[in-house]
Structures are given as C-alpha cells and as structure tokens.
Amino acid sequence: MRRSILSRAINVLAISLFVTTLGHAHDVITTKLMWTQEISRIVYRHCVTCHREGGSAPMSLVTYDEARPWAKAIRDEVALRRMPPWGAVKGFGQFRHDRSLSDSEIEMLVLWVEGGAPRGDDMYMPPVPALPPVAKAAPQPARGITVQGETTLAQGVTATGIAPGELPAGGEMQIVARLPDGSVENLLWLRNSRAEWKQTFYFAQPMVLPKGTLIAVYSGVPAVILTGEPYTESKRSKKDR
C-alpha cells in the first residue's frame, strides 16, 4: 500500500515537471529579435556597467540566463525610460557618456520581450565587454556658477556641464540659456526625477556663454554651471581668425 502511494506521488511529480518543462520549451516565439544577436549588444552598451556581479544594480544581466527572468521588468522600465538611469530628456542638450536608449533600441527590447524573449544561436553571441573594476568614488563638490531662477552672466564663460541640485522624487528641472544675440541654447531637462539619477551632466562639447547671457532655471532647485577658463571677446577674436 505504501509502495503504491509512493509510486503515484512520484508519477504525479514526474508529470508535473514534464508539463512545466514542456511549457517553457514551447513558449510562443513571435519575433526574429534574439538575445545572442541584437539584444545582448544593447544590454552590453547600456546596462552591464551596473548590472553585473558586484555592480551597483541589484541583479546581473550579463548572460541570457540572468536576464531572461527579468524580461518583463526590463520591458516596463525601458518603455518608461526609467532605465538605464539617465534622467535627461533626449534631444534637449547633448552630453558625453549618454547612457540613454534610442527610440529604436527601446522598440527592439520591447518587441523582443513581447515576442517571447528568445535566446538565439550562441554562435552569434558577442564577447562580454571588458569592464573596469567596480569602484565607489566619493562625490566631488561641483565648482562653477550657481544659478537659480534667472541669472545674467557678468562675464563670459566656457561651460563644460551642469550639476543639478537635489530634486524631489518626480520633480522636474529645465535649464536654458538666452544669449545676447537672441539665440537660445537648451542646456538640460530633467523629468520625473529619481534619487538614483542624481549626477553631473557633461556637455558633449564645451559651450561658450558670452557676457550678458541669461541662464533660466525652471525649478525651485539651484544648479551649478561647470566652467572652464573664463571666456572673453578677445579670445573669441583670436579663435575666429
């Protein structure tokens, strides 16, 4: 009797495991996008600096087996532009080390997940990028011109970036520069802020802001315009010759 009950239990467990395995093996795949081809390359470009063993993120996404259980979370986070943690609105200012995803990269990630998140053939898998050692450097105080509300520059400067102040969760900051010639430079726009997004944004190229430029900060929080050497009209004349 005991042997009969034990045999039935083993049979039920075996059938359950078989059905579970069969279900995973026959997930409906409706996309040609594969982890080994398109998706891993996006993840390696934008995510694994933090999402790796010992990184600042809570989980690693270096391998398919690590990333697959998080597929739906990845889709939701990138679709809302909460990940990678960048914060700056794309196209409103140009920055170095921009970790944000392009529209086409977001579309590929979403379609991959909704299409069953397939692995693909390992022969197409790129090598894992060489990553620097995980280091947690102490933040350095920002040095430059503190601006809040509207500030008119008393002298010209060469701006190298912006260090925004501490925004509340969900807060917004928009910074523009109105130059004396009437032109407007979009400097930075942060939207739906999160604490982990706090960072310094370095311009892709140093930006010349002549004397008399009006810096407008649309937020109740100040920001620091990082500056290089003072910019003067005489330097401009030499440069333009």
Protein backbone atom coordinates (compact mmCIF):
# COMPACT_ATOMS: atom_id res chain seq x y z
CA MET A 1 0.00 0.00 0.00
CA ARG A 2 2.77 2.44 0.98
CA ARG A 3 4.72 1.49 -2.14
CA SER A 4 1.62 2.15 -4.28
CA ILE A 5 1.10 5.62 -2.75
CA LEU A 6 4.79 6.45 -3.16
CA SER A 7 4.73 5.32 -6.78
CA ARG A 8 1.69 7.50 -7.51
CA ALA A 9 3.35 10.51 -5.87
CA ILE A 10 6.49 10.02 -7.93
CA ASN A 11 4.41 9.72 -11.10
CA VAL A 12 2.48 12.91 -10.32
CA LEU A 13 5.73 14.79 -9.64
CA ALA A 14 7.29 13.49 -12.85
CA ILE A 15 4.24 14.53 -14.89
CA SER A 16 4.24 17.98 -13.26
CA LEU A 17 7.91 18.50 -14.05
CA PHE A 18 7.37 17.30 -17.62
CA VAL A 19 4.44 19.67 -18.16
CA THR A 20 6.39 22.61 -16.72
CA THR A 21 9.39 21.84 -18.92
CA LEU A 22 7.16 21.36 -21.94
CA GLY A 23 5.50 24.74 -21.29
CA HIS A 24 8.85 26.57 -21.21
CA ALA A 25 10.08 24.70 -24.25
CA HIS A 26 7.02 25.71 -26.23
CA ASP A 27 6.75 29.38 -25.29
CA VAL A 28 5.28 31.11 -28.31
CA ILE A 29 8.03 32.96 -30.18
CA THR A 30 6.73 35.72 -32.45
CA THR A 31 9.87 37.78 -33.03
CA LYS A 32 13.06 37.46 -35.03
CA LEU A 33 14.95 39.53 -32.47
CA MET A 34 17.34 37.36 -30.46
CA TRP A 35 19.37 37.77 -27.29
CA THR A 36 22.51 36.47 -28.99
CA GLN A 37 22.24 38.94 -31.85
CA GLU A 38 20.50 42.27 -31.21
CA ILE A 39 19.51 42.30 -27.53
CA SER A 40 22.78 41.38 -25.82
CA ARG A 41 24.53 44.12 -27.77
CA ILE A 42 22.08 46.74 -26.47
CA VAL A 43 22.43 45.44 -22.90
CA TYR A 44 26.22 45.41 -23.14
CA ARG A 45 26.29 49.01 -24.40
CA HIS A 46 23.92 50.48 -21.85
CA CYS A 47 23.38 48.19 -18.86
CA VAL A 48 26.21 45.93 -17.72
CA THR A 49 28.34 48.69 -16.21
CA CYS A 50 25.89 48.49 -13.29
CA HIS A 51 24.08 45.18 -13.94
CA ARG A 52 26.96 42.78 -13.27
CA GLU A 53 28.34 40.83 -10.37
CA GLY A 54 29.37 43.32 -7.71
CA GLY A 55 27.81 46.22 -9.62
CA SER A 56 25.55 48.89 -8.18
CA ALA A 57 22.38 47.28 -9.61
CA PRO A 58 20.59 44.53 -7.65
CA MET A 59 20.89 41.91 -10.40
CA SER A 60 23.28 40.92 -13.19
CA LEU A 61 22.12 40.97 -16.82
CA VAL A 62 25.35 39.75 -18.41
CA THR A 63 24.05 36.36 -19.59
CA TYR A 64 20.78 35.25 -21.12
CA ASP A 65 20.01 33.03 -18.14
CA GLU A 66 20.45 36.01 -15.83
CA ALA A 67 18.42 38.41 -17.97
CA ARG A 68 15.52 36.15 -19.03
CA PRO A 69 13.70 36.06 -15.64
CA TRP A 70 13.70 39.89 -15.67
CA ALA A 71 12.41 40.24 -19.23
CA LYS A 72 9.06 41.83 -18.37
CA ALA A 73 10.63 44.18 -15.82
CA ILE A 74 13.21 45.20 -18.45
CA ARG A 75 10.41 45.95 -20.91
CA ASP A 76 8.47 48.07 -18.42
CA GLU A 77 11.49 50.03 -17.18
CA VAL A 78 12.90 50.89 -20.62
CA ALA A 79 9.47 51.72 -22.07
CA LEU A 80 9.01 54.37 -19.35
CA ARG A 81 12.68 55.47 -19.72
CA ARG A 82 13.35 54.71 -16.07
CA MET A 83 16.28 52.54 -17.11
CA PRO A 84 19.11 52.99 -17.80
CA PRO A 85 19.20 55.64 -15.03
CA TRP A 86 19.89 58.78 -17.02
CA GLY A 87 17.08 61.24 -16.43
CA ALA A 88 17.89 63.87 -19.07
CA VAL A 89 15.27 64.24 -21.79
CA LYS A 90 16.83 63.07 -25.04
CA GLY A 91 17.43 65.83 -27.60
CA PHE A 92 17.37 68.63 -25.02
CA GLY A 93 21.11 69.23 -24.76
CA GLN A 94 23.93 66.94 -25.90
CA PHE A 95 26.05 65.11 -23.32
CA ARG A 96 29.08 62.88 -23.01
CA HIS A 97 28.59 59.33 -21.74
CA ASP A 98 24.88 59.42 -22.58
CA ARG A 99 23.55 56.08 -21.27
CA SER A 100 20.00 56.61 -22.50
CA LEU A 101 18.44 54.30 -25.08
CA SER A 102 17.44 55.45 -28.54
CA ASP A 103 13.83 55.02 -29.65
CA SER A 104 14.84 52.13 -31.91
CA GLU A 105 16.68 50.36 -29.05
CA ILE A 106 13.64 50.69 -26.80
CA GLU A 107 11.43 49.32 -29.56
CA MET A 108 13.72 46.31 -30.07
CA LEU A 109 13.78 45.48 -26.35
CA VAL A 110 10.00 45.74 -26.05
CA LEU A 111 9.38 43.64 -29.17
CA TRP A 112 11.88 41.03 -28.01
CA VAL A 113 10.11 40.61 -24.66
CA GLU A 114 6.62 40.60 -26.14
CA GLY A 115 7.79 38.13 -28.78
CA GLY A 116 8.80 35.55 -26.18
CA ALA A 117 12.33 36.77 -25.33
CA PRO A 118 14.12 34.07 -27.35
CA ARG A 119 17.77 33.20 -26.85
CA GLY A 120 19.01 32.55 -30.40
CA ASP A 121 22.10 30.76 -31.62
CA ASP A 122 25.18 31.13 -29.41
CA MET A 123 27.42 31.36 -32.49
CA TYR A 124 26.24 34.99 -32.87
CA MET A 125 26.89 35.94 -29.26
CA PRO A 126 29.30 38.90 -28.86
CA PRO A 127 32.05 38.74 -26.23
CA VAL A 128 31.29 40.25 -22.86
CA PRO A 129 32.83 43.75 -22.86
CA ALA A 130 35.86 44.43 -20.70
CA LEU A 131 34.54 46.32 -17.70
CA PRO A 132 36.52 48.49 -15.28
CA PRO A 133 36.71 47.37 -11.66
CA VAL A 134 33.72 48.34 -9.56
CA ALA A 135 34.67 51.49 -7.67
CA LYS A 136 32.63 53.80 -5.50
CA ALA A 137 34.37 57.14 -5.60
CA ALA A 138 33.33 59.84 -3.18
CA PRO A 139 31.34 62.56 -4.98
CA GLN A 140 33.31 65.73 -5.62
CA PRO A 141 31.71 69.12 -4.96
CA ALA A 142 30.67 70.90 -8.15
CA ARG A 143 32.62 74.07 -8.91
CA GLY A 144 31.31 76.79 -11.13
CA ILE A 145 28.46 79.31 -11.18
CA THR A 146 25.43 78.57 -9.04
CA VAL A 147 22.24 79.56 -10.84
CA GLN A 148 18.64 79.66 -9.66
CA GLY A 149 15.67 81.34 -11.26
CA GLU A 150 17.17 83.79 -13.77
CA THR A 151 20.87 84.68 -13.66
CA THR A 152 22.66 87.05 -16.06
CA LEU A 153 26.35 86.29 -16.53
CA ALA A 154 28.61 89.17 -15.54
CA GLN A 155 31.38 87.75 -17.70
CA GLY A 156 31.59 85.19 -20.47
CA VAL A 157 32.36 81.59 -19.55
CA THR A 158 33.08 78.30 -21.25
CA ALA A 159 30.55 75.88 -19.76
CA THR A 160 31.56 72.21 -19.55
CA GLY A 161 28.49 70.76 -17.87
CA ILE A 162 25.72 71.08 -15.30
CA ALA A 163 25.39 69.71 -11.77
CA PRO A 164 21.69 69.93 -10.86
CA GLY A 165 20.64 70.31 -7.26
CA GLU A 166 18.68 67.72 -5.27
CA LEU A 167 15.27 67.34 -6.90
CA PRO A 168 12.33 65.75 -5.07
CA ALA A 169 11.07 62.41 -6.37
CA GLY A 170 9.11 63.04 -9.55
CA GLY A 171 10.48 66.58 -9.75
CA GLU A 172 11.37 68.45 -12.92
CA MET A 173 14.09 70.92 -13.92
CA GLN A 174 14.60 72.70 -17.22
CA ILE A 175 17.59 74.96 -17.89
CA VAL A 176 18.03 77.17 -20.96
CA ALA A 177 20.50 79.90 -21.92
CA ARG A 178 19.37 83.02 -23.78
CA LEU A 179 22.41 84.53 -25.49
CA PRO A 180 22.84 88.28 -26.12
CA ASP A 181 22.26 87.75 -29.86
CA GLY A 182 18.76 86.43 -29.13
CA SER A 183 19.53 82.75 -29.74
CA VAL A 184 18.55 80.09 -27.19
CA GLU A 185 20.59 77.09 -26.12
CA ASN A 186 18.80 74.19 -24.46
CA LEU A 187 21.06 73.04 -21.63
CA LEU A 188 19.25 70.37 -19.61
CA TRP A 189 15.77 68.99 -18.95
CA LEU A 190 15.16 66.52 -16.14
CA ARG A 191 11.71 65.00 -15.82
CA ASN A 192 10.16 62.57 -13.31
CA SER A 193 13.35 62.67 -11.25
CA ARG A 194 14.54 59.79 -9.08
CA ALA A 195 17.21 59.91 -6.38
CA GLU A 196 19.42 57.36 -8.17
CA TRP A 197 19.54 59.60 -11.26
CA LYS A 198 21.47 62.36 -9.49
CA GLN A 199 24.69 63.00 -11.37
CA THR A 200 26.68 65.63 -13.20
CA PHE A 201 25.93 66.07 -16.91
CA TYR A 202 28.96 66.95 -19.02
CA PHE A 203 28.33 68.60 -22.38
CA ALA A 204 29.45 66.73 -25.47
CA GLN A 205 31.37 69.88 -26.41
CA PRO A 206 32.27 72.89 -24.21
CA MET A 207 29.68 75.61 -24.67
CA VAL A 208 30.57 79.29 -24.99
CA LEU A 209 28.23 81.54 -22.99
CA PRO A 210 29.14 85.21 -23.58
CA LYS A 211 28.82 88.03 -21.07
CA GLY A 212 25.17 89.03 -20.72
CA THR A 213 23.81 85.50 -21.29
CA LEU A 214 20.66 84.87 -19.25
CA ILE A 215 20.54 81.42 -17.61
CA ALA A 216 16.95 80.46 -16.75
CA VAL A 217 16.34 77.56 -14.35
CA TYR A 218 12.72 76.43 -14.33
CA SER A 219 12.68 74.72 -10.94
CA GLY A 220 12.78 75.68 -7.30
CA VAL A 221 16.16 73.97 -7.03
CA PRO A 222 19.51 75.55 -7.96
CA ALA A 223 22.09 74.11 -10.32
CA VAL A 224 25.81 74.66 -10.87
CA ILE A 225 27.08 75.54 -14.34
CA LEU A 226 30.52 73.92 -14.51
CA THR A 227 33.01 76.24 -16.11
CA GLY A 228 36.43 76.08 -17.70
CA GLU A 229 38.61 79.10 -18.24
CA PRO A 230 36.84 82.49 -18.47
CA TYR A 231 35.70 83.36 -21.98
CA THR A 232 36.32 86.85 -23.31
CA GLU A 233 35.66 88.64 -26.56
CA SER A 234 39.42 88.87 -27.19
CA LYS A 235 39.71 85.10 -27.05
CA ARG A 236 36.80 84.81 -29.41
CA SER A 237 38.50 87.15 -31.86
CA LYS A 238 41.73 85.11 -31.78
CA LYS A 239 39.80 81.88 -32.24
CA ASP A 240 37.86 83.22 -35.23
CA ARG A 241 40.95 84.46 -37.07
